[in-house]
């Protein structure tokens, strides 16, 4: 993967996947979106329409299919964790090329192992994305944040392949970093996401009210999550995490909270469950996290 123009498949052309598909297509790369037949038909006809302050309003033409049929340079996996198992049927092992990278943009820390059990380990390059982007209709993406930042990693992936993909993504618009430590990259997001998602969803409140009305609970959960992150070998700074929460707009909601409000399945196991499993593995007490995960499981049962 050293050529300038890449062939890229995007599994899950929603808020994140649709934005990246459109940006890459606009930059001249061949993009194929993998989705249900109704969505694929809409994308083939109308393309992807993006409304974005930093990247402008534009429509990008893409190819679309229900599964990957020919090899590509990279597959960007942008489905929710709750849909991952079913969605992977759209990526047959036989359709992958020798050098195809699988790049999951999923919440949590356990999904790389799932992909490596199904595909070759040196093909999996986990990514972390920081962006607020929503699919408001099939093929219609609203990019609400003034930024789109990607951290790309993959301990078993040759560095030149990561660098080539990073160059293509950054030239298309997002800010991209290639990080040398996959565990640190994934836990950096997890340590921030878990308290944010669990508390906003449990209390049904935006971040501004959580960080004032439930400050002690937020602080305790941030400290627990940081302790688990450190036990897993990743650095964590609770004070800095709290500063980040305080810098966000008061009306900010987590994606888990929005899923709960819409009646969609929650990524509770991928976020809260994974946190508890890591804590148990390393013998780290996490009473606040344990209670919140149990209460959310009871509410959604």
C-alpha atoms as a PDB file:
ATOM      1  CA  UNK A   1       0.000   0.000   0.000  1.00  0.00           C
ATOM      2  CA  UNK A   2       2.420   2.650  -1.206  1.00  0.00           C
ATOM      3  CA  UNK A   3       0.490   4.081  -4.163  1.00  0.00           C
ATOM      4  CA  UNK A   4      -1.121   7.515  -3.982  1.00  0.00           C
ATOM      5  CA  UNK A   5      -4.669   6.438  -4.879  1.00  0.00           C
ATOM      6  CA  UNK A   6      -6.191   3.651  -2.814  1.00  0.00           C
ATOM      7  CA  UNK A   7      -9.169   1.351  -3.099  1.00  0.00           C
ATOM      8  CA  UNK A   8     -11.121   1.478   0.151  1.00  0.00           C
ATOM      9  CA  UNK A   9     -14.212  -0.343   1.376  1.00  0.00           C
ATOM     10  CA  UNK A  10     -16.276   1.179   4.182  1.00  0.00           C
ATOM     11  CA  UNK A  11     -18.336  -1.227   6.274  1.00  0.00           C
ATOM     12  CA  UNK A  12     -21.083   0.832   7.864  1.00  0.00           C
ATOM     13  CA  UNK A  13     -21.511   4.161   6.035  1.00  0.00           C
ATOM     14  CA  UNK A  14     -23.076   5.905   9.035  1.00  0.00           C
ATOM     15  CA  UNK A  15     -21.910   9.033  10.828  1.00  0.00           C
ATOM     16  CA  UNK A  16     -18.212   8.138  10.941  1.00  0.00           C
ATOM     17  CA  UNK A  17     -18.025   5.697   8.032  1.00  0.00           C
ATOM     18  CA  UNK A  18     -20.091   7.885   5.723  1.00  0.00           C
ATOM     19  CA  UNK A  19     -17.983  10.953   6.458  1.00  0.00           C
ATOM     20  CA  UNK A  20     -14.714   9.110   5.814  1.00  0.00           C
ATOM     21  CA  UNK A  21     -16.110   7.463   2.671  1.00  0.00           C
ATOM     22  CA  UNK A  22     -17.181  10.823   1.265  1.00  0.00           C
ATOM     23  CA  UNK A  23     -13.906  12.562   2.092  1.00  0.00           C
ATOM     24  CA  UNK A  24     -11.814   9.767   0.578  1.00  0.00           C
ATOM     25  CA  UNK A  25     -13.961   9.674  -2.554  1.00  0.00           C
ATOM     26  CA  UNK A  26     -13.705  13.434  -2.972  1.00  0.00           C
ATOM     27  CA  UNK A  27      -9.922  13.093  -2.713  1.00  0.00           C
ATOM     28  CA  UNK A  28      -9.936  10.704  -5.677  1.00  0.00           C
ATOM     29  CA  UNK A  29      -9.784   7.297  -4.004  1.00  0.00           C
ATOM     30  CA  UNK A  30     -12.019   4.438  -5.131  1.00  0.00           C
ATOM     31  CA  UNK A  31     -14.554   3.907  -2.356  1.00  0.00           C
ATOM     32  CA  UNK A  32     -17.054   1.075  -1.991  1.00  0.00           C
ATOM     33  CA  UNK A  33     -19.602   1.224   0.830  1.00  0.00           C
ATOM     34  CA  UNK A  34     -20.833  -2.085   2.253  1.00  0.00           C
ATOM     35  CA  UNK A  35     -24.365  -2.002   3.620  1.00  0.00           C
ATOM     36  CA  UNK A  36     -27.859  -3.461   3.368  1.00  0.00           C
ATOM     37  CA  UNK A  37     -29.319  -3.562  -0.136  1.00  0.00           C
ATOM     38  CA  UNK A  38     -31.678  -0.608   0.436  1.00  0.00           C
ATOM     39  CA  UNK A  39     -28.842   1.579   1.698  1.00  0.00           C
ATOM     40  CA  UNK A  40     -26.462   0.382  -1.005  1.00  0.00           C
ATOM     41  CA  UNK A  41     -29.019   1.183  -3.715  1.00  0.00           C
ATOM     42  CA  UNK A  42     -29.522   4.677  -2.303  1.00  0.00           C
ATOM     43  CA  UNK A  43     -25.769   5.321  -2.187  1.00  0.00           C
ATOM     44  CA  UNK A  44     -25.269   4.104  -5.755  1.00  0.00           C
ATOM     45  CA  UNK A  45     -27.976   6.481  -6.961  1.00  0.00           C
ATOM     46  CA  UNK A  46     -27.458   9.572  -4.824  1.00  0.00           C
ATOM     47  CA  UNK A  47     -23.943   9.260  -3.405  1.00  0.00           C
ATOM     48  CA  UNK A  48     -23.128  10.635   0.049  1.00  0.00           C
ATOM     49  CA  UNK A  49     -24.132  14.180   0.908  1.00  0.00           C
ATOM     50  CA  UNK A  50     -22.061  15.857   3.615  1.00  0.00           C
ATOM     51  CA  UNK A  51     -22.796  19.014   5.559  1.00  0.00           C
ATOM     52  CA  UNK A  52     -19.651  20.097   7.397  1.00  0.00           C
ATOM     53  CA  UNK A  53     -18.194  23.366   8.633  1.00  0.00           C
ATOM     54  CA  UNK A  54     -14.501  22.444   8.216  1.00  0.00           C
ATOM     55  CA  UNK A  55     -14.890  20.337   5.057  1.00  0.00           C
ATOM     56  CA  UNK A  56     -17.760  22.151   3.353  1.00  0.00           C
ATOM     57  CA  UNK A  57     -21.052  20.911   1.938  1.00  0.00           C
ATOM     58  CA  UNK A  58     -20.602  18.457  -0.920  1.00  0.00           C
ATOM     59  CA  UNK A  59     -21.836  15.258  -2.537  1.00  0.00           C
ATOM     60  CA  UNK A  60     -19.414  12.389  -3.198  1.00  0.00           C
ATOM     61  CA  UNK A  61     -20.035   9.539  -5.597  1.00  0.00           C
ATOM     62  CA  UNK A  62     -19.299   6.070  -4.216  1.00  0.00           C
ATOM     63  CA  UNK A  63     -19.728   2.485  -5.243  1.00  0.00           C
ATOM     64  CA  UNK A  64     -21.890   0.335  -2.982  1.00  0.00           C
ATOM     65  CA  UNK A  65     -22.591  -3.349  -2.457  1.00  0.00           C
ATOM     66  CA  UNK A  66     -23.897  -5.730   0.174  1.00  0.00           C
ATOM     67  CA  UNK A  67     -20.516  -7.453   0.584  1.00  0.00           C
ATOM     68  CA  UNK A  68     -16.901  -7.162  -0.459  1.00  0.00           C
ATOM     69  CA  UNK A  69     -16.351  -9.025  -3.725  1.00  0.00           C
ATOM     70  CA  UNK A  70     -12.914  -7.885  -4.908  1.00  0.00           C
ATOM     71  CA  UNK A  71      -9.721  -7.088  -2.968  1.00  0.00           C
ATOM     72  CA  UNK A  72      -9.128  -3.539  -1.729  1.00  0.00           C
ATOM     73  CA  UNK A  73      -6.244  -1.802  -0.012  1.00  0.00           C
ATOM     74  CA  UNK A  74      -8.174  -1.169   3.206  1.00  0.00           C
ATOM     75  CA  UNK A  75     -11.521  -1.910   4.811  1.00  0.00           C
ATOM     76  CA  UNK A  76     -12.696   0.739   7.280  1.00  0.00           C
ATOM     77  CA  UNK A  77     -15.022  -0.913   9.803  1.00  0.00           C
ATOM     78  CA  UNK A  78     -17.368   1.711  11.216  1.00  0.00           C
ATOM     79  CA  UNK A  79     -20.334  -0.249  12.540  1.00  0.00           C
ATOM     80  CA  UNK A  80     -21.491  -0.258  16.153  1.00  0.00           C
ATOM     81  CA  UNK A  81     -20.035  -3.015  18.309  1.00  0.00           C
ATOM     82  CA  UNK A  82     -23.544  -4.425  18.745  1.00  0.00           C
ATOM     83  CA  UNK A  83     -23.708  -5.059  14.990  1.00  0.00           C
ATOM     84  CA  UNK A  84     -20.139  -6.249  14.457  1.00  0.00           C
ATOM     85  CA  UNK A  85     -20.673 -10.016  14.276  1.00  0.00           C
ATOM     86  CA  UNK A  86     -23.442  -9.780  11.672  1.00  0.00           C
ATOM     87  CA  UNK A  87     -21.650  -7.059   9.710  1.00  0.00           C
ATOM     88  CA  UNK A  88     -18.453  -9.084   9.323  1.00  0.00           C
ATOM     89  CA  UNK A  89     -20.352 -11.456   7.042  1.00  0.00           C
ATOM     90  CA  UNK A  90     -20.035  -8.663   4.470  1.00  0.00           C
ATOM     91  CA  UNK A  91     -16.226  -9.118   4.501  1.00  0.00           C
ATOM     92  CA  UNK A  92     -15.519 -12.709   3.379  1.00  0.00           C
ATOM     93  CA  UNK A  93     -11.972 -13.820   4.071  1.00  0.00           C
ATOM     94  CA  UNK A  94     -11.755 -14.999   0.458  1.00  0.00           C
ATOM     95  CA  UNK A  95     -12.370 -11.461  -0.836  1.00  0.00           C
ATOM     96  CA  UNK A  96      -9.418  -9.909   0.979  1.00  0.00           C
ATOM     97  CA  UNK A  97      -6.174  -9.241  -0.820  1.00  0.00           C
ATOM     98  CA  UNK A  98      -2.780 -10.242   0.499  1.00  0.00           C
ATOM     99  CA  UNK A  99      -2.137  -6.725   1.822  1.00  0.00           C
ATOM    100  CA  UNK A 100      -5.664  -5.602   2.736  1.00  0.00           C
ATOM    101  CA  UNK A 101      -5.768  -3.700   6.018  1.00  0.00           C
ATOM    102  CA  UNK A 102      -8.776  -4.025   8.322  1.00  0.00           C
ATOM    103  CA  UNK A 103      -9.214  -0.763  10.221  1.00  0.00           C
ATOM    104  CA  UNK A 104     -11.870  -0.862  12.960  1.00  0.00           C
ATOM    105  CA  UNK A 105     -13.275   2.442  14.235  1.00  0.00           C
ATOM    106  CA  UNK A 106     -15.145   0.902  17.159  1.00  0.00           C
ATOM    107  CA  UNK A 107     -15.620   1.813  20.786  1.00  0.00           C
ATOM    108  CA  UNK A 108     -14.011  -0.407  23.409  1.00  0.00           C
ATOM    109  CA  UNK A 109     -10.773  -2.373  23.535  1.00  0.00           C
ATOM    110  CA  UNK A 110     -11.729  -5.985  22.798  1.00  0.00           C
ATOM    111  CA  UNK A 111     -12.711  -5.846  19.115  1.00  0.00           C
ATOM    112  CA  UNK A 112      -9.147  -6.164  17.694  1.00  0.00           C
ATOM    113  CA  UNK A 113      -8.949  -9.667  19.191  1.00  0.00           C
ATOM    114  CA  UNK A 114     -12.265 -10.567  17.543  1.00  0.00           C
ATOM    115  CA  UNK A 115     -10.973  -9.452  14.153  1.00  0.00           C
ATOM    116  CA  UNK A 116      -7.605 -11.158  14.571  1.00  0.00           C
ATOM    117  CA  UNK A 117      -9.338 -14.443  15.375  1.00  0.00           C
ATOM    118  CA  UNK A 118     -11.244 -14.187  12.089  1.00  0.00           C
ATOM    119  CA  UNK A 119      -8.633 -12.598   9.823  1.00  0.00           C
ATOM    120  CA  UNK A 120      -4.839 -12.442   9.748  1.00  0.00           C
ATOM    121  CA  UNK A 121      -3.383 -10.599  12.785  1.00  0.00           C
ATOM    122  CA  UNK A 122      -1.048  -8.489  10.654  1.00  0.00           C
ATOM    123  CA  UNK A 123      -4.048  -7.119   8.745  1.00  0.00           C
ATOM    124  CA  UNK A 124      -5.762  -5.498  11.743  1.00  0.00           C
ATOM    125  CA  UNK A 125      -4.954  -1.817  12.400  1.00  0.00           C
ATOM    126  CA  UNK A 126      -7.216  -0.427  15.148  1.00  0.00           C
ATOM    127  CA  UNK A 127      -8.101   3.248  14.879  1.00  0.00           C
ATOM    128  CA  UNK A 128      -9.523   5.791  17.287  1.00  0.00           C
ATOM    129  CA  UNK A 129     -11.573   8.657  15.897  1.00  0.00           C
ATOM    130  CA  UNK A 130     -12.577  11.874  17.628  1.00  0.00           C
ATOM    131  CA  UNK A 131     -15.445  13.482  15.750  1.00  0.00           C
ATOM    132  CA  UNK A 132     -19.112  14.354  16.083  1.00  0.00           C
ATOM    133  CA  UNK A 133     -20.750  13.111  12.909  1.00  0.00           C
ATOM    134  CA  UNK A 134     -24.286  11.803  12.444  1.00  0.00           C
ATOM    135  CA  UNK A 135     -26.146  10.029   9.669  1.00  0.00           C
ATOM    136  CA  UNK A 136     -29.485  11.846   9.518  1.00  0.00           C
ATOM    137  CA  UNK A 137     -30.751   9.773   6.560  1.00  0.00           C
ATOM    138  CA  UNK A 138     -29.224   7.125   4.268  1.00  0.00           C
ATOM    139  CA  UNK A 139     -26.326   8.851   2.548  1.00  0.00           C
ATOM    140  CA  UNK A 140     -26.791  12.155   4.407  1.00  0.00           C
ATOM    141  CA  UNK A 141     -24.105  13.044   6.944  1.00  0.00           C
ATOM    142  CA  UNK A 142     -23.998  16.027   9.312  1.00  0.00           C
ATOM    143  CA  UNK A 143     -20.491  16.671  10.638  1.00  0.00           C
ATOM    144  CA  UNK A 144     -21.165  18.767  13.712  1.00  0.00           C
ATOM    145  CA  UNK A 145     -17.720  19.173  15.221  1.00  0.00           C
ATOM    146  CA  UNK A 146     -15.062  21.510  13.914  1.00  0.00           C
ATOM    147  CA  UNK A 147     -12.547  18.685  13.867  1.00  0.00           C
ATOM    148  CA  UNK A 148     -12.001  15.077  12.822  1.00  0.00           C
ATOM    149  CA  UNK A 149      -8.977  13.417  14.401  1.00  0.00           C
ATOM    150  CA  UNK A 150      -7.769   9.860  13.894  1.00  0.00           C
ATOM    151  CA  UNK A 151      -5.171   7.838  15.794  1.00  0.00           C
ATOM    152  CA  UNK A 152      -4.040   4.802  13.805  1.00  0.00           C
ATOM    153  CA  UNK A 153      -2.162   1.884  15.354  1.00  0.00           C
ATOM    154  CA  UNK A 154      -1.519  -1.816  14.846  1.00  0.00           C
ATOM    155  CA  UNK A 155       1.290  -3.532  16.698  1.00  0.00           C
ATOM    156  CA  UNK A 156       1.590  -6.360  14.153  1.00  0.00           C
ATOM    157  CA  UNK A 157       1.110  -4.237  11.021  1.00  0.00           C
ATOM    158  CA  UNK A 158       4.200  -3.135   9.061  1.00  0.00           C
ATOM    159  CA  UNK A 159       4.724   0.572   9.674  1.00  0.00           C
ATOM    160  CA  UNK A 160       4.916   1.532   5.956  1.00  0.00           C
ATOM    161  CA  UNK A 161       1.368   0.245   5.456  1.00  0.00           C
ATOM    162  CA  UNK A 162       0.089   2.321   8.368  1.00  0.00           C
ATOM    163  CA  UNK A 163       1.920   5.400   7.095  1.00  0.00           C
ATOM    164  CA  UNK A 164       0.480   5.032   3.587  1.00  0.00           C
ATOM    165  CA  UNK A 165      -3.085   4.807   4.894  1.00  0.00           C
ATOM    166  CA  UNK A 166      -2.483   7.707   7.268  1.00  0.00           C
ATOM    167  CA  UNK A 167      -1.248   9.890   4.397  1.00  0.00           C
ATOM    168  CA  UNK A 168      -4.351   9.106   2.349  1.00  0.00           C
ATOM    169  CA  UNK A 169      -6.716   9.847   5.242  1.00  0.00           C
ATOM    170  CA  UNK A 170      -4.969  13.076   6.193  1.00  0.00           C
ATOM    171  CA  UNK A 171      -4.868  14.335   2.610  1.00  0.00           C
ATOM    172  CA  UNK A 172      -8.632  13.773   2.506  1.00  0.00           C
ATOM    173  CA  UNK A 173      -9.247  16.032   5.512  1.00  0.00           C
ATOM    174  CA  UNK A 174      -8.904  14.505   8.994  1.00  0.00           C
ATOM    175  CA  UNK A 175      -5.880  15.028  11.197  1.00  0.00           C
ATOM    176  CA  UNK A 176      -4.131  11.647  11.506  1.00  0.00           C
ATOM    177  CA  UNK A 177      -1.432  10.282  13.795  1.00  0.00           C
ATOM    178  CA  UNK A 178       0.234   6.873  13.628  1.00  0.00           C
ATOM    179  CA  UNK A 179       0.895   5.721  17.182  1.00  0.00           C
ATOM    180  CA  UNK A 180       3.467   3.073  18.164  1.00  0.00           C
ATOM    181  CA  UNK A 181       1.444   1.519  21.005  1.00  0.00           C
ATOM    182  CA  UNK A 182      -1.954   0.029  20.166  1.00  0.00           C
ATOM    183  CA  UNK A 183      -2.905  -0.601  23.793  1.00  0.00           C
ATOM    184  CA  UNK A 184      -2.180   2.998  24.765  1.00  0.00           C
ATOM    185  CA  UNK A 185      -4.184   4.317  21.818  1.00  0.00           C
ATOM    186  CA  UNK A 186      -7.271   2.226  22.599  1.00  0.00           C
ATOM    187  CA  UNK A 187      -7.203   2.854  26.340  1.00  0.00           C
ATOM    188  CA  UNK A 188      -6.681   6.583  25.884  1.00  0.00           C
ATOM    189  CA  UNK A 189     -10.147   6.705  24.338  1.00  0.00           C
ATOM    190  CA  UNK A 190     -11.631   4.107  26.673  1.00  0.00           C
ATOM    191  CA  UNK A 191     -10.495   5.995  29.764  1.00  0.00           C
ATOM    192  CA  UNK A 192     -12.327   9.066  28.522  1.00  0.00           C
ATOM    193  CA  UNK A 193     -15.331   7.376  26.919  1.00  0.00           C
ATOM    194  CA  UNK A 194     -16.387   4.986  29.677  1.00  0.00           C
ATOM    195  CA  UNK A 195     -17.170   7.590  32.385  1.00  0.00           C
ATOM    196  CA  UNK A 196     -18.785   9.891  29.816  1.00  0.00           C
ATOM    197  CA  UNK A 197     -20.986   7.166  28.306  1.00  0.00           C
ATOM    198  CA  UNK A 198     -21.952   5.385  31.507  1.00  0.00           C
ATOM    199  CA  UNK A 199     -22.897   8.487  33.494  1.00  0.00           C
ATOM    200  CA  UNK A 200     -24.743  10.456  30.800  1.00  0.00           C
ATOM    201  CA  UNK A 201     -26.739   7.341  29.919  1.00  0.00           C
ATOM    202  CA  UNK A 202     -27.464   6.253  33.483  1.00  0.00           C
ATOM    203  CA  UNK A 203     -28.712   9.681  34.546  1.00  0.00           C
ATOM    204  CA  UNK A 204     -30.240  10.691  31.215  1.00  0.00           C
ATOM    205  CA  UNK A 205     -28.441  14.015  31.389  1.00  0.00           C
ATOM    206  CA  UNK A 206     -26.043  15.906  29.106  1.00  0.00           C
ATOM    207  CA  UNK A 207     -22.430  16.217  30.169  1.00  0.00           C
ATOM    208  CA  UNK A 208     -22.855  19.726  31.595  1.00  0.00           C
ATOM    209  CA  UNK A 209     -25.347  18.527  34.202  1.00  0.00           C
ATOM    210  CA  UNK A 210     -23.438  15.333  34.952  1.00  0.00           C
ATOM    211  CA  UNK A 211     -20.221  17.214  35.695  1.00  0.00           C
ATOM    212  CA  UNK A 212     -22.016  19.544  38.127  1.00  0.00           C
ATOM    213  CA  UNK A 213     -24.830  17.514  39.713  1.00  0.00           C
ATOM    214  CA  UNK A 214     -22.832  14.247  39.806  1.00  0.00           C
ATOM    215  CA  UNK A 215     -19.286  15.584  40.148  1.00  0.00           C
ATOM    216  CA  UNK A 216     -18.184  13.202  42.909  1.00  0.00           C
ATOM    217  CA  UNK A 217     -19.436  10.194  40.990  1.00  0.00           C
ATOM    218  CA  UNK A 218     -17.731  11.399  37.808  1.00  0.00           C
ATOM    219  CA  UNK A 219     -14.449  11.946  39.650  1.00  0.00           C
ATOM    220  CA  UNK A 220     -14.553   8.499  41.252  1.00  0.00           C
ATOM    221  CA  UNK A 221     -15.334   6.788  37.956  1.00  0.00           C
ATOM    222  CA  UNK A 222     -12.563   8.650  36.140  1.00  0.00           C
ATOM    223  CA  UNK A 223     -10.090   7.523  38.803  1.00  0.00           C
ATOM    224  CA  UNK A 224     -11.282   3.906  38.573  1.00  0.00           C
ATOM    225  CA  UNK A 225     -11.008   3.872  34.793  1.00  0.00           C
ATOM    226  CA  UNK A 226      -7.549   5.430  34.909  1.00  0.00           C
ATOM    227  CA  UNK A 227      -6.411   2.740  37.360  1.00  0.00           C
ATOM    228  CA  UNK A 228      -7.590   0.001  35.000  1.00  0.00           C
ATOM    229  CA  UNK A 229      -5.912   1.702  32.055  1.00  0.00           C
ATOM    230  CA  UNK A 230      -2.605   1.865  33.922  1.00  0.00           C
ATOM    231  CA  UNK A 231      -2.927  -1.798  34.923  1.00  0.00           C
ATOM    232  CA  UNK A 232      -3.355  -2.669  31.234  1.00  0.00           C
ATOM    233  CA  UNK A 233      -0.106  -0.865  30.429  1.00  0.00           C
ATOM    234  CA  UNK A 234      -1.500   2.415  29.160  1.00  0.00           C
ATOM    235  CA  UNK A 235      -0.889   5.830  30.734  1.00  0.00           C
ATOM    236  CA  UNK A 236      -3.853   7.708  32.207  1.00  0.00           C
ATOM    237  CA  UNK A 237      -4.246  11.099  33.867  1.00  0.00           C
ATOM    238  CA  UNK A 238      -7.528  11.546  35.819  1.00  0.00           C
ATOM    239  CA  UNK A 239      -6.991  15.283  36.338  1.00  0.00           C
ATOM    240  CA  UNK A 240      -6.514  15.871  32.618  1.00  0.00           C
ATOM    241  CA  UNK A 241      -9.608  13.792  31.840  1.00  0.00           C
ATOM    242  CA  UNK A 242     -11.707  15.954  34.149  1.00  0.00           C
ATOM    243  CA  UNK A 243     -10.336  19.070  32.475  1.00  0.00           C
ATOM    244  CA  UNK A 244     -11.417  17.694  29.092  1.00  0.00           C
ATOM    245  CA  UNK A 245     -14.933  17.025  30.368  1.00  0.00           C
ATOM    246  CA  UNK A 246     -15.089  20.575  31.710  1.00  0.00           C
ATOM    247  CA  UNK A 247     -14.069  21.968  28.306  1.00  0.00           C
ATOM    248  CA  UNK A 248     -16.969  20.367  26.413  1.00  0.00           C
ATOM    249  CA  UNK A 249     -20.196  22.213  25.666  1.00  0.00           C
ATOM    250  CA  UNK A 250     -22.761  21.653  28.449  1.00  0.00           C
ATOM    251  CA  UNK A 251     -25.294  20.102  26.042  1.00  0.00           C
ATOM    252  CA  UNK A 252     -22.872  17.378  24.864  1.00  0.00           C
ATOM    253  CA  UNK A 253     -24.330  13.874  24.906  1.00  0.00           C
ATOM    254  CA  UNK A 254     -22.555  10.534  24.536  1.00  0.00           C
ATOM    255  CA  UNK A 255     -23.399   8.240  21.637  1.00  0.00           C
ATOM    256  CA  UNK A 256     -24.611   5.657  24.154  1.00  0.00           C
ATOM    257  CA  UNK A 257     -27.016   8.194  25.611  1.00  0.00           C
ATOM    258  CA  UNK A 258     -28.333   9.046  22.136  1.00  0.00           C
ATOM    259  CA  UNK A 259     -28.790   5.343  21.429  1.00  0.00           C
ATOM    260  CA  UNK A 260     -30.748   4.946  24.667  1.00  0.00           C
ATOM    261  CA  UNK A 261     -32.984   7.882  23.794  1.00  0.00           C
ATOM    262  CA  UNK A 262     -33.659   6.402  20.353  1.00  0.00           C
ATOM    263  CA  UNK A 263     -34.357   2.917  21.710  1.00  0.00           C
ATOM    264  CA  UNK A 264     -31.344   1.408  19.948  1.00  0.00           C
ATOM    265  CA  UNK A 265     -29.151  -1.357  21.441  1.00  0.00           C
ATOM    266  CA  UNK A 266     -26.473  -0.009  23.764  1.00  0.00           C
ATOM    267  CA  UNK A 267     -22.747  -0.691  23.530  1.00  0.00           C
ATOM    268  CA  UNK A 268     -22.850  -1.419  27.251  1.00  0.00           C
ATOM    269  CA  UNK A 269     -20.866  -4.644  27.036  1.00  0.00           C
ATOM    270  CA  UNK A 270     -18.253  -3.195  24.667  1.00  0.00           C
ATOM    271  CA  UNK A 271     -17.628  -0.255  27.007  1.00  0.00           C
ATOM    272  CA  UNK A 272     -18.787  -1.047  30.538  1.00  0.00           C
ATOM    273  CA  UNK A 273     -18.447  -4.818  30.270  1.00  0.00           C
ATOM    274  CA  UNK A 274     -14.950  -4.578  28.812  1.00  0.00           C
ATOM    275  CA  UNK A 275     -13.929  -2.195  31.588  1.00  0.00           C
ATOM    276  CA  UNK A 276     -15.138  -4.615  34.269  1.00  0.00           C
ATOM    277  CA  UNK A 277     -13.435  -7.595  32.619  1.00  0.00           C
ATOM    278  CA  UNK A 278     -10.121  -5.746  32.434  1.00  0.00           C
ATOM    279  CA  UNK A 279     -10.485  -4.654  36.063  1.00  0.00           C
ATOM    280  CA  UNK A 280     -11.135  -8.233  37.186  1.00  0.00           C
ATOM    281  CA  UNK A 281      -8.202  -9.543  35.144  1.00  0.00           C
ATOM    282  CA  UNK A 282      -5.797  -7.132  36.826  1.00  0.00           C
ATOM    283  CA  UNK A 283      -7.364  -7.118  40.279  1.00  0.00           C
ATOM    284  CA  UNK A 284      -8.390  -3.454  40.214  1.00  0.00           C
ATOM    285  CA  UNK A 285     -11.433  -2.569  42.378  1.00  0.00           C
ATOM    286  CA  UNK A 286     -14.056  -0.590  40.444  1.00  0.00           C
ATOM    287  CA  UNK A 287     -17.159  -0.320  42.670  1.00  0.00           C
ATOM    288  CA  UNK A 288     -18.658   2.726  40.916  1.00  0.00           C
ATOM    289  CA  UNK A 289     -18.259   1.220  37.462  1.00  0.00           C
ATOM    290  CA  UNK A 290     -19.670  -2.107  38.666  1.00  0.00           C
ATOM    291  CA  UNK A 291     -22.769  -0.446  40.077  1.00  0.00           C
ATOM    292  CA  UNK A 292     -23.385   1.696  36.987  1.00  0.00           C
ATOM    293  CA  UNK A 293     -23.039  -1.220  34.575  1.00  0.00           C
ATOM    294  CA  UNK A 294     -25.414  -3.304  36.709  1.00  0.00           C
ATOM    295  CA  UNK A 295     -27.974  -0.496  36.910  1.00  0.00           C
ATOM    296  CA  UNK A 296     -27.833   0.155  33.159  1.00  0.00           C
ATOM    297  CA  UNK A 297     -28.182  -3.555  32.443  1.00  0.00           C
ATOM    298  CA  UNK A 298     -31.264  -3.682  34.689  1.00  0.00           C
ATOM    299  CA  UNK A 299     -32.819  -0.661  32.979  1.00  0.00           C
ATOM    300  CA  UNK A 300     -32.282  -2.005  29.465  1.00  0.00           C
ATOM    301  CA  UNK A 301     -33.220  -5.630  30.211  1.00  0.00           C
END
